[in-house]
């Protein structure tokens, strides 16, 4: 959990105001996929991101979009790393035809 200068807490890609005082609902895989696809489209589309990698050691290797109350981070690929988009703990690889799920968030332990 990170604090920000705007009086909000930030938890793994989810934004929660301090007034709510409750934890954000966990994103479903379908909702995370839709948000990730929307972020990729706003960044120029999967083909543009996949075919036009940023220069290695770029000063701005990522771009963050606020979509539906969640932050979606698009990271352009480099020679040895794939282009990815992450939303709410889910990480998707950006390929020429769209996105593919790479990592799901950890499941909370049952107590």
PDB file of N, CA and C in Angstrom:
ATOM      1  N   UNK A   1       0.854  -1.162   0.000  1.00  0.00           N
ATOM      2  CA  UNK A   1       0.000   0.000   0.000  1.00  0.00           C
ATOM      3  C   UNK A   1       0.904   1.229   0.000  1.00  0.00           C
ATOM      4  N   UNK A   2       0.604   2.171  -0.855  1.00  0.00           N
ATOM      5  CA  UNK A   2       1.392   3.384  -0.977  1.00  0.00           C
ATOM      6  C   UNK A   2       0.522   4.596  -0.708  1.00  0.00           C
ATOM      7  N   UNK A   3       1.093   5.598  -0.120  1.00  0.00           N
ATOM      8  CA  UNK A   3       0.358   6.850   0.095  1.00  0.00           C
ATOM      9  C   UNK A   3       0.671   7.790  -1.052  1.00  0.00           C
ATOM     10  N   UNK A   4      -0.273   8.616  -1.403  1.00  0.00           N
ATOM     11  CA  UNK A   4      -0.028   9.599  -2.452  1.00  0.00           C
ATOM     12  C   UNK A   4      -0.240  10.991  -1.891  1.00  0.00           C
ATOM     13  N   UNK A   5       0.168  11.972  -2.651  1.00  0.00           N
ATOM     14  CA  UNK A   5       0.076  13.345  -2.179  1.00  0.00           C
ATOM     15  C   UNK A   5      -1.347  13.893  -2.241  1.00  0.00           C
ATOM     16  N   UNK A   6      -2.269  13.145  -2.841  1.00  0.00           N
ATOM     17  CA  UNK A   6      -3.641  13.610  -2.978  1.00  0.00           C
ATOM     18  C   UNK A   6      -4.566  13.041  -1.912  1.00  0.00           C
ATOM     19  N   UNK A   7      -4.019  12.479  -0.841  1.00  0.00           N
ATOM     20  CA  UNK A   7      -4.839  11.970   0.237  1.00  0.00           C
ATOM     21  C   UNK A   7      -5.560  10.677  -0.107  1.00  0.00           C
ATOM     22  N   UNK A   8      -4.962   9.877  -0.958  1.00  0.00           N
ATOM     23  CA  UNK A   8      -5.562   8.605  -1.330  1.00  0.00           C
ATOM     24  C   UNK A   8      -4.575   7.486  -1.073  1.00  0.00           C
ATOM     25  N   UNK A   9      -5.112   6.311  -0.851  1.00  0.00           N
ATOM     26  CA  UNK A   9      -4.271   5.130  -0.743  1.00  0.00           C
ATOM     27  C   UNK A   9      -4.279   4.415  -2.074  1.00  0.00           C
ATOM     28  N   UNK A  10      -3.201   3.756  -2.385  1.00  0.00           N
ATOM     29  CA  UNK A  10      -3.134   3.019  -3.640  1.00  0.00           C
ATOM     30  C   UNK A  10      -2.753   1.579  -3.328  1.00  0.00           C
ATOM     31  N   UNK A  11      -3.579   0.645  -3.759  1.00  0.00           N
ATOM     32  CA  UNK A  11      -3.348  -0.758  -3.491  1.00  0.00           C
ATOM     33  C   UNK A  11      -3.318  -1.541  -4.780  1.00  0.00           C
ATOM     34  N   UNK A  12      -2.156  -1.994  -5.190  1.00  0.00           N
ATOM     35  CA  UNK A  12      -2.000  -2.878  -6.336  1.00  0.00           C
ATOM     36  C   UNK A  12      -2.875  -2.501  -7.526  1.00  0.00           C
ATOM     37  N   UNK A  13      -2.775  -1.282  -7.961  1.00  0.00           N
ATOM     38  CA  UNK A  13      -3.499  -0.849  -9.146  1.00  0.00           C
ATOM     39  C   UNK A  13      -4.912  -0.359  -8.875  1.00  0.00           C
ATOM     40  N   UNK A  14      -5.402  -0.527  -7.650  1.00  0.00           N
ATOM     41  CA  UNK A  14      -6.744  -0.057  -7.315  1.00  0.00           C
ATOM     42  C   UNK A  14      -6.626   1.228  -6.526  1.00  0.00           C
ATOM     43  N   UNK A  15      -7.520   2.172  -6.760  1.00  0.00           N
ATOM     44  CA  UNK A  15      -7.525   3.415  -5.997  1.00  0.00           C
ATOM     45  C   UNK A  15      -8.715   3.404  -5.070  1.00  0.00           C
ATOM     46  N   UNK A  16      -8.444   3.728  -3.820  1.00  0.00           N
ATOM     47  CA  UNK A  16      -9.494   3.733  -2.816  1.00  0.00           C
ATOM     48  C   UNK A  16      -9.363   5.023  -2.027  1.00  0.00           C
ATOM     49  N   UNK A  17     -10.449   5.764  -1.883  1.00  0.00           N
ATOM     50  CA  UNK A  17     -10.363   6.988  -1.102  1.00  0.00           C
ATOM     51  C   UNK A  17     -10.366   6.652   0.384  1.00  0.00           C
ATOM     52  N   UNK A  18      -9.743   7.481   1.184  1.00  0.00           N
ATOM     53  CA  UNK A  18      -9.662   7.233   2.620  1.00  0.00           C
ATOM     54  C   UNK A  18     -11.027   7.322   3.282  1.00  0.00           C
ATOM     55  N   UNK A  19     -11.955   8.097   2.728  1.00  0.00           N
ATOM     56  CA  UNK A  19     -13.274   8.229   3.322  1.00  0.00           C
ATOM     57  C   UNK A  19     -14.021   6.900   3.298  1.00  0.00           C
ATOM     58  N   UNK A  20     -13.810   6.108   2.267  1.00  0.00           N
ATOM     59  CA  UNK A  20     -14.511   4.830   2.182  1.00  0.00           C
ATOM     60  C   UNK A  20     -14.060   3.886   3.283  1.00  0.00           C
ATOM     61  N   UNK A  21     -12.761   3.870   3.555  1.00  0.00           N
ATOM     62  CA  UNK A  21     -12.239   3.061   4.634  1.00  0.00           C
ATOM     63  C   UNK A  21     -12.426   1.568   4.437  1.00  0.00           C
ATOM     64  N   UNK A  22     -12.722   1.146   3.242  1.00  0.00           N
ATOM     65  CA  UNK A  22     -12.884  -0.270   2.988  1.00  0.00           C
ATOM     66  C   UNK A  22     -12.030  -0.672   1.806  1.00  0.00           C
ATOM     67  N   UNK A  23     -11.786  -1.935   1.702  1.00  0.00           N
ATOM     68  CA  UNK A  23     -10.953  -2.460   0.644  1.00  0.00           C
ATOM     69  C   UNK A  23     -11.721  -2.519  -0.675  1.00  0.00           C
ATOM     70  N   UNK A  24     -11.056  -2.230  -1.763  1.00  0.00           N
ATOM     71  CA  UNK A  24     -11.708  -2.289  -3.074  1.00  0.00           C
ATOM     72  C   UNK A  24     -12.023  -3.744  -3.422  1.00  0.00           C
ATOM     73  N   UNK A  25     -13.110  -3.924  -4.155  1.00  0.00           N
ATOM     74  CA  UNK A  25     -13.443  -5.266  -4.594  1.00  0.00           C
ATOM     75  C   UNK A  25     -12.396  -5.748  -5.579  1.00  0.00           C
ATOM     76  N   UNK A  26     -12.133  -7.031  -5.532  1.00  0.00           N
ATOM     77  CA  UNK A  26     -11.161  -7.625  -6.430  1.00  0.00           C
ATOM     78  C   UNK A  26     -11.743  -7.677  -7.842  1.00  0.00           C
ATOM     79  N   UNK A  27     -10.933  -7.327  -8.807  1.00  0.00           N
ATOM     80  CA  UNK A  27     -11.368  -7.347 -10.208  1.00  0.00           C
ATOM     81  C   UNK A  27     -11.544  -8.782 -10.694  1.00  0.00           C
ATOM     82  N   UNK A  28     -12.547  -9.005 -11.522  1.00  0.00           N
ATOM     83  CA  UNK A  28     -12.675 -10.295 -12.181  1.00  0.00           C
ATOM     84  C   UNK A  28     -11.724 -10.296 -13.379  1.00  0.00           C
ATOM     85  N   UNK A  29     -11.400 -11.484 -13.846  1.00  0.00           N
ATOM     86  CA  UNK A  29     -10.494 -11.585 -14.989  1.00  0.00           C
ATOM     87  C   UNK A  29     -11.103 -10.943 -16.233  1.00  0.00           C
ATOM     88  N   UNK A  30     -12.423 -11.094 -16.410  1.00  0.00           N
ATOM     89  CA  UNK A  30     -13.094 -10.521 -17.572  1.00  0.00           C
ATOM     90  C   UNK A  30     -13.041  -8.991 -17.535  1.00  0.00           C
ATOM     91  N   UNK A  31     -13.305  -8.414 -16.353  1.00  0.00           N
ATOM     92  CA  UNK A  31     -13.288  -6.952 -16.206  1.00  0.00           C
ATOM     93  C   UNK A  31     -11.861  -6.420 -16.406  1.00  0.00           C
ATOM     94  N   UNK A  32     -10.868  -7.105 -15.847  1.00  0.00           N
ATOM     95  CA  UNK A  32      -9.475  -6.688 -16.009  1.00  0.00           C
ATOM     96  C   UNK A  32      -9.061  -6.751 -17.477  1.00  0.00           C
ATOM     97  N   UNK A  33      -9.509  -7.780 -18.178  1.00  0.00           N
ATOM     98  CA  UNK A  33      -9.197  -7.907 -19.604  1.00  0.00           C
ATOM     99  C   UNK A  33      -9.806  -6.754 -20.401  1.00  0.00           C
ATOM    100  N   UNK A  34     -11.058  -6.422 -20.085  1.00  0.00           N
ATOM    101  CA  UNK A  34     -11.719  -5.310 -20.786  1.00  0.00           C
ATOM    102  C   UNK A  34     -11.009  -3.987 -20.514  1.00  0.00           C
ATOM    103  N   UNK A  35     -10.606  -3.745 -19.262  1.00  0.00           N
ATOM    104  CA  UNK A  35      -9.894  -2.508 -18.920  1.00  0.00           C
ATOM    105  C   UNK A  35      -8.528  -2.460 -19.605  1.00  0.00           C
ATOM    106  N   UNK A  36      -7.834  -3.597 -19.645  1.00  0.00           N
ATOM    107  CA  UNK A  36      -6.519  -3.658 -20.294  1.00  0.00           C
ATOM    108  C   UNK A  36      -6.645  -3.397 -21.791  1.00  0.00           C
ATOM    109  N   UNK A  37      -7.660  -3.981 -22.427  1.00  0.00           N
ATOM    110  CA  UNK A  37      -7.863  -3.742 -23.852  1.00  0.00           C
ATOM    111  C   UNK A  37      -8.173  -2.281 -24.133  1.00  0.00           C
ATOM    112  N   UNK A  38      -8.949  -1.654 -23.256  1.00  0.00           N
ATOM    113  CA  UNK A  38      -9.271  -0.240 -23.436  1.00  0.00           C
ATOM    114  C   UNK A  38      -8.016   0.625 -23.285  1.00  0.00           C
ATOM    115  N   UNK A  39      -7.156   0.297 -22.333  1.00  0.00           N
ATOM    116  CA  UNK A  39      -5.909   1.048 -22.144  1.00  0.00           C
ATOM    117  C   UNK A  39      -4.998   0.905 -23.355  1.00  0.00           C
ATOM    118  N   UNK A  40      -4.909  -0.301 -23.894  1.00  0.00           N
ATOM    119  CA  UNK A  40      -4.081  -0.533 -25.086  1.00  0.00           C
ATOM    120  C   UNK A  40      -4.635   0.266 -26.263  1.00  0.00           C
ATOM    121  N   UNK A  41      -5.952   0.285 -26.412  1.00  0.00           N
ATOM    122  CA  UNK A  41      -6.566   1.071 -27.493  1.00  0.00           C
ATOM    123  C   UNK A  41      -6.276   2.558 -27.331  1.00  0.00           C
ATOM    124  N   UNK A  42      -6.337   3.063 -26.089  1.00  0.00           N
ATOM    125  CA  UNK A  42      -6.048   4.482 -25.850  1.00  0.00           C
ATOM    126  C   UNK A  42      -4.581   4.812 -26.103  1.00  0.00           C
ATOM    127  N   UNK A  43      -3.706   3.825 -25.940  1.00  0.00           N
ATOM    128  CA  UNK A  43      -2.277   4.040 -26.180  1.00  0.00           C
ATOM    129  C   UNK A  43      -1.917   3.939 -27.663  1.00  0.00           C
ATOM    130  N   UNK A  44      -2.880   3.561 -28.511  1.00  0.00           N
ATOM    131  CA  UNK A  44      -2.606   3.512 -29.943  1.00  0.00           C
ATOM    132  C   UNK A  44      -2.902   2.176 -30.586  1.00  0.00           C
ATOM    133  N   UNK A  45      -3.260   1.179 -29.795  1.00  0.00           N
ATOM    134  CA  UNK A  45      -3.588  -0.134 -30.342  1.00  0.00           C
ATOM    135  C   UNK A  45      -2.462  -1.132 -30.180  1.00  0.00           C
ATOM    136  N   UNK A  46      -2.822  -2.399 -30.145  1.00  0.00           N
ATOM    137  CA  UNK A  46      -1.851  -3.474 -29.910  1.00  0.00           C
ATOM    138  C   UNK A  46      -0.776  -3.528 -30.989  1.00  0.00           C
ATOM    139  N   UNK A  47      -1.174  -3.392 -32.245  1.00  0.00           N
ATOM    140  CA  UNK A  47      -0.197  -3.468 -33.334  1.00  0.00           C
ATOM    141  C   UNK A  47       0.833  -2.341 -33.239  1.00  0.00           C
ATOM    142  N   UNK A  48       0.391  -1.125 -32.917  1.00  0.00           N
ATOM    143  CA  UNK A  48       1.317   0.007 -32.804  1.00  0.00           C
ATOM    144  C   UNK A  48       2.285  -0.204 -31.634  1.00  0.00           C
ATOM    145  N   UNK A  49       1.785  -0.659 -30.510  1.00  0.00           N
ATOM    146  CA  UNK A  49       2.651  -0.872 -29.341  1.00  0.00           C
ATOM    147  C   UNK A  49       3.631  -2.008 -29.608  1.00  0.00           C
ATOM    148  N   UNK A  50       3.139  -3.089 -30.203  1.00  0.00           N
ATOM    149  CA  UNK A  50       3.976  -4.264 -30.459  1.00  0.00           C
ATOM    150  C   UNK A  50       5.050  -3.983 -31.514  1.00  0.00           C
ATOM    151  N   UNK A  51       4.685  -3.280 -32.571  1.00  0.00           N
ATOM    152  CA  UNK A  51       5.602  -3.030 -33.688  1.00  0.00           C
ATOM    153  C   UNK A  51       6.532  -1.837 -33.481  1.00  0.00           C
ATOM    154  N   UNK A  52       6.246  -0.975 -32.531  1.00  0.00           N
ATOM    155  CA  UNK A  52       7.054   0.225 -32.309  1.00  0.00           C
ATOM    156  C   UNK A  52       7.570   0.293 -30.878  1.00  0.00           C
ATOM    157  N   UNK A  53       8.564  -0.533 -30.559  1.00  0.00           N
ATOM    158  CA  UNK A  53       9.083  -0.489 -29.190  1.00  0.00           C
ATOM    159  C   UNK A  53       9.777   0.840 -28.908  1.00  0.00           C
ATOM    160  N   UNK A  54       9.764   1.224 -27.656  1.00  0.00           N
ATOM    161  CA  UNK A  54      10.464   2.438 -27.250  1.00  0.00           C
ATOM    162  C   UNK A  54      11.967   2.176 -27.275  1.00  0.00           C
ATOM    163  N   UNK A  55      12.721   3.232 -27.314  1.00  0.00           N
ATOM    164  CA  UNK A  55      14.169   3.121 -27.278  1.00  0.00           C
ATOM    165  C   UNK A  55      14.587   2.548 -25.930  1.00  0.00           C
ATOM    166  N   UNK A  56      15.574   1.636 -25.907  1.00  0.00           N
ATOM    167  CA  UNK A  56      16.045   1.122 -24.619  1.00  0.00           C
ATOM    168  C   UNK A  56      16.458   2.265 -23.697  1.00  0.00           C
ATOM    169  N   UNK A  57      16.158   2.138 -22.456  1.00  0.00           N
ATOM    170  CA  UNK A  57      16.458   3.126 -21.414  1.00  0.00           C
ATOM    171  C   UNK A  57      15.714   4.443 -21.645  1.00  0.00           C
ATOM    172  N   UNK A  58      14.538   4.351 -22.225  1.00  0.00           N
ATOM    173  CA  UNK A  58      13.705   5.523 -22.459  1.00  0.00           C
ATOM    174  C   UNK A  58      13.339   6.182 -21.142  1.00  0.00           C
ATOM    175  N   UNK A  59      13.179   7.497 -21.164  1.00  0.00           N
ATOM    176  CA  UNK A  59      12.791   8.226 -19.952  1.00  0.00           C
ATOM    177  C   UNK A  59      11.330   7.974 -19.594  1.00  0.00           C
ATOM    178  N   UNK A  60      10.514   7.561 -20.554  1.00  0.00           N
ATOM    179  CA  UNK A  60       9.097   7.285 -20.311  1.00  0.00           C
ATOM    180  C   UNK A  60       8.728   5.925 -20.888  1.00  0.00           C
ATOM    181  N   UNK A  61       9.137   4.835 -20.232  1.00  0.00           N
ATOM    182  CA  UNK A  61       8.841   3.507 -20.773  1.00  0.00           C
ATOM    183  C   UNK A  61       7.398   3.064 -20.535  1.00  0.00           C
ATOM    184  N   UNK A  62       6.660   3.798 -19.695  1.00  0.00           N
ATOM    185  CA  UNK A  62       5.281   3.415 -19.392  1.00  0.00           C
ATOM    186  C   UNK A  62       4.349   4.605 -19.527  1.00  0.00           C
ATOM    187  N   UNK A  63       3.073   4.278 -19.640  1.00  0.00           N
ATOM    188  CA  UNK A  63       2.034   5.303 -19.611  1.00  0.00           C
ATOM    189  C   UNK A  63       0.878   4.726 -18.816  1.00  0.00           C
ATOM    190  N   UNK A  64       0.349   5.505 -17.869  1.00  0.00           N
ATOM    191  CA  UNK A  64      -0.732   5.050 -17.008  1.00  0.00           C
ATOM    192  C   UNK A  64      -2.028   5.745 -17.391  1.00  0.00           C
ATOM    193  N   UNK A  65      -3.084   4.945 -17.515  1.00  0.00           N
ATOM    194  CA  UNK A  65      -4.406   5.450 -17.850  1.00  0.00           C
ATOM    195  C   UNK A  65      -5.340   5.161 -16.683  1.00  0.00           C
ATOM    196  N   UNK A  66      -6.200   6.108 -16.347  1.00  0.00           N
ATOM    197  CA  UNK A  66      -7.239   5.913 -15.336  1.00  0.00           C
ATOM    198  C   UNK A  66      -8.515   5.529 -16.072  1.00  0.00           C
ATOM    199  N   UNK A  67      -8.968   4.305 -15.867  1.00  0.00           N
ATOM    200  CA  UNK A  67     -10.144   3.799 -16.565  1.00  0.00           C
ATOM    201  C   UNK A  67     -11.074   3.154 -15.541  1.00  0.00           C
ATOM    202  N   UNK A  68     -12.270   3.659 -15.421  1.00  0.00           N
ATOM    203  CA  UNK A  68     -13.259   3.069 -14.529  1.00  0.00           C
ATOM    204  C   UNK A  68     -12.828   3.012 -13.076  1.00  0.00           C
ATOM    205  N   UNK A  69     -12.027   3.976 -12.632  1.00  0.00           N
ATOM    206  CA  UNK A  69     -11.572   4.000 -11.250  1.00  0.00           C
ATOM    207  C   UNK A  69     -10.347   3.140 -10.986  1.00  0.00           C
ATOM    208  N   UNK A  70      -9.792   2.508 -11.997  1.00  0.00           N
ATOM    209  CA  UNK A  70      -8.594   1.682 -11.860  1.00  0.00           C
ATOM    210  C   UNK A  70      -7.478   2.275 -12.703  1.00  0.00           C
ATOM    211  N   UNK A  71      -6.252   2.044 -12.293  1.00  0.00           N
ATOM    212  CA  UNK A  71      -5.134   2.503 -13.106  1.00  0.00           C
ATOM    213  C   UNK A  71      -4.621   1.328 -13.933  1.00  0.00           C
ATOM    214  N   UNK A  72      -4.433   1.582 -15.210  1.00  0.00           N
ATOM    215  CA  UNK A  72      -3.915   0.588 -16.142  1.00  0.00           C
ATOM    216  C   UNK A  72      -2.588   1.106 -16.670  1.00  0.00           C
ATOM    217  N   UNK A  73      -1.537   0.344 -16.459  1.00  0.00           N
ATOM    218  CA  UNK A  73      -0.201   0.764 -16.877  1.00  0.00           C
ATOM    219  C   UNK A  73       0.219   0.001 -18.123  1.00  0.00           C
ATOM    220  N   UNK A  74       0.519   0.732 -19.182  1.00  0.00           N
ATOM    221  CA  UNK A  74       1.011   0.149 -20.430  1.00  0.00           C
ATOM    222  C   UNK A  74       2.518   0.347 -20.461  1.00  0.00           C
ATOM    223  N   UNK A  75       3.251  -0.751 -20.654  1.00  0.00           N
ATOM    224  CA  UNK A  75       4.716  -0.701 -20.744  1.00  0.00           C
ATOM    225  C   UNK A  75       5.124  -1.188 -22.126  1.00  0.00           C
ATOM    226  N   UNK A  76       5.763  -0.300 -22.884  1.00  0.00           N
ATOM    227  CA  UNK A  76       6.233  -0.661 -24.210  1.00  0.00           C
ATOM    228  C   UNK A  76       7.383  -1.650 -24.079  1.00  0.00           C
ATOM    229  N   UNK A  77       7.496  -2.556 -25.019  1.00  0.00           N
ATOM    230  CA  UNK A  77       8.552  -3.558 -24.990  1.00  0.00           C
ATOM    231  C   UNK A  77       9.880  -2.989 -25.444  1.00  0.00           C
ATOM    232  N   UNK A  78      10.910  -3.753 -25.165  1.00  0.00           N
ATOM    233  CA  UNK A  78      12.256  -3.445 -25.645  1.00  0.00           C
ATOM    234  C   UNK A  78      12.792  -4.716 -26.290  1.00  0.00           C
ATOM    235  N   UNK A  79      14.028  -4.729 -26.642  1.00  0.00           N
ATOM    236  CA  UNK A  79      14.588  -5.878 -27.344  1.00  0.00           C
ATOM    237  C   UNK A  79      14.427  -7.169 -26.543  1.00  0.00           C
ATOM    238  N   UNK A  80      14.702  -7.128 -25.256  1.00  0.00           N
ATOM    239  CA  UNK A  80      14.668  -8.351 -24.459  1.00  0.00           C
ATOM    240  C   UNK A  80      13.466  -8.459 -23.531  1.00  0.00           C
ATOM    241  N   UNK A  81      12.505  -7.552 -23.630  1.00  0.00           N
ATOM    242  CA  UNK A  81      11.336  -7.635 -22.759  1.00  0.00           C
ATOM    243  C   UNK A  81      10.061  -7.375 -23.567  1.00  0.00           C
ATOM    244  N   UNK A  82       8.997  -8.109 -23.237  1.00  0.00           N
ATOM    245  CA  UNK A  82       7.758  -7.939 -23.996  1.00  0.00           C
ATOM    246  C   UNK A  82       7.008  -6.677 -23.583  1.00  0.00           C
ATOM    247  N   UNK A  83       6.112  -6.231 -24.436  1.00  0.00           N
ATOM    248  CA  UNK A  83       5.216  -5.132 -24.094  1.00  0.00           C
ATOM    249  C   UNK A  83       4.113  -5.719 -23.223  1.00  0.00           C
ATOM    250  N   UNK A  84       3.790  -5.049 -22.111  1.00  0.00           N
ATOM    251  CA  UNK A  84       2.771  -5.561 -21.192  1.00  0.00           C
ATOM    252  C   UNK A  84       1.845  -4.445 -20.747  1.00  0.00           C
ATOM    253  N   UNK A  85       0.660  -4.851 -20.290  1.00  0.00           N
ATOM    254  CA  UNK A  85      -0.286  -3.933 -19.664  1.00  0.00           C
ATOM    255  C   UNK A  85      -0.725  -4.609 -18.370  1.00  0.00           C
ATOM    256  N   UNK A  86      -0.778  -3.836 -17.277  1.00  0.00           N
ATOM    257  CA  UNK A  86      -1.170  -4.405 -15.988  1.00  0.00           C
ATOM    258  C   UNK A  86      -2.332  -3.607 -15.406  1.00  0.00           C
ATOM    259  N   UNK A  87      -3.302  -4.358 -14.862  1.00  0.00           N
ATOM    260  CA  UNK A  87      -4.501  -3.770 -14.260  1.00  0.00           C
ATOM    261  C   UNK A  87      -4.887  -4.613 -13.052  1.00  0.00           C
ATOM    262  N   UNK A  88      -4.951  -4.005 -11.882  1.00  0.00           N
ATOM    263  CA  UNK A  88      -5.455  -4.672 -10.688  1.00  0.00           C
ATOM    264  C   UNK A  88      -4.800  -5.989 -10.356  1.00  0.00           C
ATOM    265  N   UNK A  89      -3.512  -6.123 -10.602  1.00  0.00           N
ATOM    266  CA  UNK A  89      -2.802  -7.360 -10.292  1.00  0.00           C
ATOM    267  C   UNK A  89      -2.702  -8.322 -11.467  1.00  0.00           C
ATOM    268  N   UNK A  90      -3.475  -8.113 -12.507  1.00  0.00           N
ATOM    269  CA  UNK A  90      -3.397  -8.935 -13.713  1.00  0.00           C
ATOM    270  C   UNK A  90      -2.368  -8.317 -14.648  1.00  0.00           C
ATOM    271  N   UNK A  91      -1.567  -9.170 -15.300  1.00  0.00           N
ATOM    272  CA  UNK A  91      -0.569  -8.698 -16.263  1.00  0.00           C
ATOM    273  C   UNK A  91      -0.842  -9.405 -17.581  1.00  0.00           C
ATOM    274  N   UNK A  92      -0.949  -8.617 -18.647  1.00  0.00           N
ATOM    275  CA  UNK A  92      -1.221  -9.140 -19.979  1.00  0.00           C
ATOM    276  C   UNK A  92      -0.065  -8.774 -20.901  1.00  0.00           C
ATOM    277  N   UNK A  93       0.333  -9.714 -21.755  1.00  0.00           N
ATOM    278  CA  UNK A  93       1.336  -9.417 -22.774  1.00  0.00           C
ATOM    279  C   UNK A  93       0.616  -8.834 -23.982  1.00  0.00           C
ATOM    280  N   UNK A  94       1.192  -7.796 -24.546  1.00  0.00           N
ATOM    281  CA  UNK A  94       0.623  -7.175 -25.744  1.00  0.00           C
ATOM    282  C   UNK A  94       1.302  -7.808 -26.952  1.00  0.00           C
ATOM    283  N   UNK A  95       0.505  -8.484 -27.768  1.00  0.00           N
ATOM    284  CA  UNK A  95       1.002  -9.088 -29.007  1.00  0.00           C
ATOM    285  C   UNK A  95       0.363  -8.351 -30.175  1.00  0.00           C
ATOM    286  N   UNK A  96       0.767  -8.681 -31.382  1.00  0.00           N
ATOM    287  CA  UNK A  96       0.303  -7.935 -32.552  1.00  0.00           C
ATOM    288  C   UNK A  96      -1.212  -7.977 -32.725  1.00  0.00           C
ATOM    289  N   UNK A  97      -1.840  -9.069 -32.334  1.00  0.00           N
ATOM    290  CA  UNK A  97      -3.278  -9.233 -32.552  1.00  0.00           C
ATOM    291  C   UNK A  97      -4.133  -8.845 -31.353  1.00  0.00           C
ATOM    292  N   UNK A  98      -3.548  -8.522 -30.218  1.00  0.00           N
ATOM    293  CA  UNK A  98      -4.325  -8.172 -29.024  1.00  0.00           C
ATOM    294  C   UNK A  98      -3.506  -8.376 -27.752  1.00  0.00           C
ATOM    295  N   UNK A  99      -4.157  -8.900 -26.714  1.00  0.00           N
ATOM    296  CA  UNK A  99      -3.461  -9.140 -25.457  1.00  0.00           C
ATOM    297  C   UNK A  99      -3.686 -10.578 -25.007  1.00  0.00           C
ATOM    298  N   UNK A 100      -2.725 -11.120 -24.240  1.00  0.00           N
ATOM    299  CA  UNK A 100      -2.800 -12.475 -23.699  1.00  0.00           C
ATOM    300  C   UNK A 100      -2.454 -12.421 -22.222  1.00  0.00           C
ATOM    301  N   UNK A 101      -3.205 -13.140 -21.408  1.00  0.00           N
ATOM    302  CA  UNK A 101      -2.984 -13.149 -19.969  1.00  0.00           C
ATOM    303  C   UNK A 101      -1.660 -13.830 -19.635  1.00  0.00           C
ATOM    304  N   UNK A 102      -0.836 -13.147 -18.817  1.00  0.00           N
ATOM    305  CA  UNK A 102       0.420 -13.724 -18.343  1.00  0.00           C
ATOM    306  C   UNK A 102       0.339 -14.114 -16.865  1.00  0.00           C
ATOM    307  N   UNK A 103      -0.147 -13.198 -16.023  1.00  0.00           N
ATOM    308  CA  UNK A 103      -0.126 -13.409 -14.572  1.00  0.00           C
ATOM    309  C   UNK A 103      -1.451 -12.991 -13.974  1.00  0.00           C
ATOM    310  N   UNK A 104      -1.967 -13.829 -13.071  1.00  0.00           N
ATOM    311  CA  UNK A 104      -3.153 -13.485 -12.280  1.00  0.00           C
ATOM    312  C   UNK A 104      -2.682 -13.022 -10.898  1.00  0.00           C
ATOM    313  N   UNK A 105      -3.482 -12.215 -10.209  1.00  0.00           N
ATOM    314  CA  UNK A 105      -3.081 -11.804  -8.851  1.00  0.00           C
ATOM    315  C   UNK A 105      -3.166 -12.981  -7.892  1.00  0.00           C
ATOM    316  N   UNK A 106      -2.454 -12.870  -6.789  1.00  0.00           N
ATOM    317  CA  UNK A 106      -2.488 -13.927  -5.773  1.00  0.00           C
ATOM    318  C   UNK A 106      -3.889 -14.034  -5.190  1.00  0.00           C
ATOM    319  N   UNK A 107      -4.256 -15.235  -4.886  1.00  0.00           N
ATOM    320  CA  UNK A 107      -5.547 -15.454  -4.203  1.00  0.00           C
ATOM    321  C   UNK A 107      -5.332 -15.276  -2.701  1.00  0.00           C
ATOM    322  N   UNK A 108      -6.267 -14.618  -2.042  1.00  0.00           N
ATOM    323  CA  UNK A 108      -6.113 -14.492  -0.594  1.00  0.00           C
ATOM    324  C   UNK A 108      -6.255 -15.848   0.085  1.00  0.00           C
ATOM    325  N   UNK A 109      -5.469 -16.038   1.124  1.00  0.00           N
ATOM    326  CA  UNK A 109      -5.534 -17.297   1.868  1.00  0.00           C
ATOM    327  C   UNK A 109      -6.817 -17.369   2.675  1.00  0.00           C
ATOM    328  N   UNK A 110      -7.403 -18.544   2.692  1.00  0.00           N
ATOM    329  CA  UNK A 110      -8.599 -18.754   3.523  1.00  0.00           C
ATOM    330  C   UNK A 110      -8.153 -18.924   4.967  1.00  0.00           C
ATOM    331  N   UNK A 111      -8.793 -18.206   5.870  1.00  0.00           N
ATOM    332  CA  UNK A 111      -8.409 -18.331   7.289  1.00  0.00           C
ATOM    333  C   UNK A 111      -9.502 -18.927   8.098  1.00  0.00           C
TER     334      UNK A 111
END
